[in-house]
N, C-alpha and C. Protein backbone atom coordinates (compact mmCIF):
# COMPACT_ATOMS: atom_id res chain seq x y z
N ALA A 1 0.84 -1.18 0.00
CA ALA A 1 0.00 0.00 0.00
C ALA A 1 0.88 1.24 0.00
N GLY A 2 0.28 2.36 -0.23
CA GLY A 2 1.01 3.62 -0.24
C GLY A 2 1.08 4.20 -1.63
N ASN A 3 1.61 5.39 -1.71
CA ASN A 3 1.73 6.09 -2.98
C ASN A 3 2.99 5.65 -3.71
N ALA A 4 2.93 5.67 -5.03
CA ALA A 4 4.06 5.17 -5.81
C ALA A 4 4.33 6.06 -7.01
N ILE A 5 5.58 6.06 -7.44
CA ILE A 5 6.02 6.67 -8.69
C ILE A 5 6.20 5.52 -9.68
N LEU A 6 5.66 5.68 -10.87
CA LEU A 6 5.88 4.72 -11.95
C LEU A 6 6.94 5.32 -12.86
N ALA A 7 8.17 4.83 -12.70
CA ALA A 7 9.31 5.42 -13.40
C ALA A 7 9.35 4.97 -14.85
N GLY A 8 9.83 5.86 -15.69
CA GLY A 8 10.06 5.51 -17.09
C GLY A 8 11.52 5.19 -17.31
N ASP A 9 12.07 5.67 -18.39
CA ASP A 9 13.45 5.32 -18.70
C ASP A 9 14.47 6.35 -18.23
N ILE A 10 14.06 7.53 -17.83
CA ILE A 10 15.03 8.53 -17.36
C ILE A 10 15.36 8.31 -15.89
N LEU A 11 14.37 8.06 -15.08
CA LEU A 11 14.56 7.74 -13.66
C LEU A 11 14.67 6.22 -13.59
N GLN A 12 15.88 5.71 -13.34
CA GLN A 12 16.13 4.28 -13.43
C GLN A 12 16.52 3.71 -12.06
N VAL A 13 15.81 2.69 -11.62
CA VAL A 13 16.14 2.03 -10.35
C VAL A 13 17.42 1.22 -10.56
N THR A 14 18.36 1.37 -9.62
CA THR A 14 19.64 0.66 -9.72
C THR A 14 19.49 -0.80 -9.29
N PRO A 15 20.47 -1.65 -9.61
CA PRO A 15 20.37 -3.07 -9.23
C PRO A 15 20.23 -3.31 -7.72
N THR A 16 20.74 -2.40 -6.89
CA THR A 16 20.59 -2.59 -5.44
C THR A 16 19.16 -2.37 -4.97
N ARG A 17 18.37 -1.69 -5.79
CA ARG A 17 16.98 -1.33 -5.50
C ARG A 17 16.86 -0.40 -4.29
N ARG A 18 17.93 0.31 -3.96
CA ARG A 18 17.90 1.32 -2.89
C ARG A 18 18.22 2.71 -3.42
N HIS A 19 18.54 2.81 -4.69
CA HIS A 19 18.86 4.09 -5.31
C HIS A 19 18.23 4.15 -6.69
N VAL A 20 18.23 5.35 -7.22
CA VAL A 20 17.89 5.54 -8.63
C VAL A 20 19.04 6.30 -9.28
N SER A 21 19.09 6.25 -10.58
CA SER A 21 20.07 7.02 -11.32
C SER A 21 19.37 7.67 -12.50
N PHE A 22 20.09 8.49 -13.22
CA PHE A 22 19.48 9.31 -14.26
C PHE A 22 20.34 9.23 -15.52
N MET A 23 19.70 8.96 -16.65
CA MET A 23 20.42 8.94 -17.92
C MET A 23 19.57 9.60 -18.99
N TYR A 24 20.23 10.33 -19.86
CA TYR A 24 19.56 10.88 -21.03
C TYR A 24 19.37 9.78 -22.06
N SER A 25 20.42 8.98 -22.26
CA SER A 25 20.36 7.88 -23.23
C SER A 25 21.15 6.69 -22.70
N TYR A 26 20.45 5.64 -22.31
CA TYR A 26 21.13 4.42 -21.86
C TYR A 26 21.88 3.73 -22.99
N PRO A 27 21.29 3.57 -24.18
CA PRO A 27 22.04 2.88 -25.25
C PRO A 27 23.35 3.58 -25.62
N ASN A 28 23.38 4.90 -25.48
CA ASN A 28 24.57 5.67 -25.85
C ASN A 28 25.38 6.12 -24.64
N TYR A 29 24.99 5.69 -23.44
CA TYR A 29 25.70 6.04 -22.19
C TYR A 29 25.87 7.54 -22.01
N ILE A 30 24.81 8.29 -22.26
CA ILE A 30 24.84 9.74 -22.09
C ILE A 30 24.10 10.09 -20.80
N PRO A 31 24.82 10.61 -19.80
CA PRO A 31 24.16 10.96 -18.53
C PRO A 31 23.25 12.17 -18.68
N LEU A 32 22.34 12.29 -17.76
CA LEU A 32 21.45 13.45 -17.71
C LEU A 32 22.17 14.57 -16.98
N ASN A 33 22.06 15.80 -17.47
CA ASN A 33 22.79 16.90 -16.84
C ASN A 33 22.12 17.35 -15.54
N ALA A 34 22.88 18.11 -14.76
CA ALA A 34 22.43 18.54 -13.44
C ALA A 34 21.14 19.36 -13.50
N THR A 35 21.01 20.22 -14.49
CA THR A 35 19.81 21.05 -14.61
C THR A 35 18.56 20.19 -14.75
N LYS A 36 18.65 19.16 -15.57
CA LYS A 36 17.50 18.27 -15.78
C LYS A 36 17.19 17.46 -14.52
N VAL A 37 18.23 16.98 -13.84
CA VAL A 37 18.02 16.21 -12.60
C VAL A 37 17.36 17.09 -11.54
N LEU A 38 17.81 18.33 -11.42
CA LEU A 38 17.19 19.24 -10.46
C LEU A 38 15.75 19.55 -10.85
N GLY A 39 15.45 19.57 -12.14
CA GLY A 39 14.08 19.74 -12.59
C GLY A 39 13.19 18.57 -12.20
N ILE A 40 13.72 17.36 -12.32
CA ILE A 40 12.98 16.16 -11.89
C ILE A 40 12.75 16.22 -10.39
N LYS A 41 13.79 16.60 -9.65
CA LYS A 41 13.65 16.71 -8.20
C LYS A 41 12.55 17.71 -7.84
N ALA A 42 12.56 18.86 -8.49
CA ALA A 42 11.55 19.89 -8.21
C ALA A 42 10.15 19.40 -8.57
N ALA A 43 10.04 18.65 -9.64
CA ALA A 43 8.73 18.14 -10.07
C ALA A 43 8.17 17.11 -9.10
N LEU A 44 9.04 16.30 -8.50
CA LEU A 44 8.58 15.25 -7.59
C LEU A 44 8.49 15.70 -6.13
N GLU A 45 9.14 16.81 -5.82
CA GLU A 45 9.19 17.31 -4.43
C GLU A 45 7.82 17.41 -3.75
N PRO A 46 6.79 17.93 -4.41
CA PRO A 46 5.51 18.10 -3.71
C PRO A 46 4.77 16.80 -3.40
N PHE A 47 5.21 15.69 -3.98
CA PHE A 47 4.47 14.45 -3.85
C PHE A 47 5.03 13.54 -2.76
N ALA A 48 4.13 12.91 -2.03
CA ALA A 48 4.53 11.88 -1.07
C ALA A 48 4.48 10.55 -1.80
N PHE A 49 5.55 9.76 -1.69
CA PHE A 49 5.53 8.43 -2.30
C PHE A 49 6.40 7.48 -1.49
N ASP A 50 5.93 6.25 -1.40
CA ASP A 50 6.60 5.21 -0.63
C ASP A 50 7.40 4.25 -1.50
N HIS A 51 7.02 4.15 -2.78
CA HIS A 51 7.62 3.17 -3.67
C HIS A 51 7.93 3.81 -5.02
N ILE A 52 8.93 3.27 -5.68
CA ILE A 52 9.22 3.61 -7.08
C ILE A 52 9.23 2.30 -7.84
N TYR A 53 8.36 2.20 -8.82
CA TYR A 53 8.32 1.02 -9.67
C TYR A 53 9.07 1.33 -10.95
N GLY A 54 10.16 0.59 -11.18
CA GLY A 54 11.01 0.82 -12.32
C GLY A 54 10.42 0.32 -13.63
N ALA A 55 11.14 0.59 -14.70
CA ALA A 55 10.68 0.22 -16.03
C ALA A 55 10.77 -1.29 -16.28
N TRP A 56 11.57 -2.00 -15.50
CA TRP A 56 11.79 -3.43 -15.71
C TRP A 56 11.38 -4.21 -14.46
N SER A 57 11.05 -5.46 -14.63
CA SER A 57 10.64 -6.27 -13.49
C SER A 57 11.79 -6.39 -12.49
N ASN A 58 11.43 -6.46 -11.23
CA ASN A 58 12.38 -6.56 -10.12
C ASN A 58 13.31 -5.36 -9.99
N GLN A 59 12.95 -4.23 -10.57
CA GLN A 59 13.71 -3.00 -10.38
C GLN A 59 12.78 -1.97 -9.74
N ASN A 60 12.50 -2.21 -8.47
CA ASN A 60 11.58 -1.37 -7.72
C ASN A 60 12.21 -0.99 -6.39
N VAL A 61 11.96 0.22 -5.95
CA VAL A 61 12.32 0.64 -4.59
C VAL A 61 11.03 0.50 -3.78
N ILE A 62 11.01 -0.45 -2.87
CA ILE A 62 9.82 -0.72 -2.08
C ILE A 62 10.05 -0.20 -0.67
N GLY A 63 9.30 0.81 -0.28
CA GLY A 63 9.42 1.41 1.04
C GLY A 63 10.48 2.50 1.08
N ASP A 64 10.14 3.60 1.72
CA ASP A 64 11.06 4.73 1.94
C ASP A 64 11.66 5.26 0.63
N ALA A 65 10.87 5.21 -0.43
CA ALA A 65 11.38 5.59 -1.75
C ALA A 65 11.68 7.08 -1.87
N LYS A 66 10.93 7.92 -1.19
CA LYS A 66 11.21 9.36 -1.31
C LYS A 66 12.58 9.68 -0.73
N ALA A 67 12.93 9.07 0.39
CA ALA A 67 14.26 9.28 0.97
C ALA A 67 15.34 8.71 0.05
N ALA A 68 15.08 7.55 -0.54
CA ALA A 68 16.03 6.96 -1.48
C ALA A 68 16.21 7.86 -2.70
N PHE A 69 15.12 8.43 -3.19
CA PHE A 69 15.18 9.35 -4.33
C PHE A 69 16.01 10.58 -3.98
N SER A 70 15.74 11.20 -2.83
CA SER A 70 16.47 12.41 -2.42
C SER A 70 17.96 12.12 -2.27
N ALA A 71 18.29 11.01 -1.63
CA ALA A 71 19.70 10.63 -1.48
C ALA A 71 20.34 10.36 -2.83
N SER A 72 19.58 9.77 -3.74
CA SER A 72 20.10 9.46 -5.07
C SER A 72 20.39 10.72 -5.88
N VAL A 73 19.54 11.72 -5.74
CA VAL A 73 19.78 12.99 -6.43
C VAL A 73 21.10 13.59 -5.96
N ALA A 74 21.29 13.65 -4.64
CA ALA A 74 22.53 14.22 -4.09
C ALA A 74 23.74 13.40 -4.54
N ARG A 75 23.63 12.10 -4.51
CA ARG A 75 24.71 11.20 -4.91
C ARG A 75 25.06 11.40 -6.40
N TYR A 76 24.05 11.47 -7.23
CA TYR A 76 24.26 11.63 -8.67
C TYR A 76 24.91 12.98 -8.98
N LEU A 77 24.38 14.04 -8.38
CA LEU A 77 24.94 15.38 -8.64
C LEU A 77 26.40 15.47 -8.20
N ALA A 78 26.74 14.83 -7.08
CA ALA A 78 28.13 14.82 -6.63
C ALA A 78 29.01 14.05 -7.62
N ALA A 79 28.47 12.98 -8.18
CA ALA A 79 29.26 12.15 -9.10
C ALA A 79 29.54 12.85 -10.43
N ILE A 80 28.60 13.69 -10.89
CA ILE A 80 28.82 14.35 -12.19
C ILE A 80 29.46 15.73 -12.06
N ALA A 81 29.66 16.19 -10.82
CA ALA A 81 30.23 17.53 -10.60
C ALA A 81 31.70 17.58 -10.98
């Protein structure tokens, strides 16, 4: 139960299922820039959500997904800085 985000291909659940990452193009390994990631963060900020269901089976963040998302944004921005 609870609120959920149904992720597409830009917001991608990682194999650990505790983080998400961001890519502009997975086939071409092009990361999403900081401006776009901050835009996604701003768009999701007003919403309460417990889960993120990824684009592929078994790629879901179940429970505490908003905290996982927020931590993932900070982690990603630090990695591309």
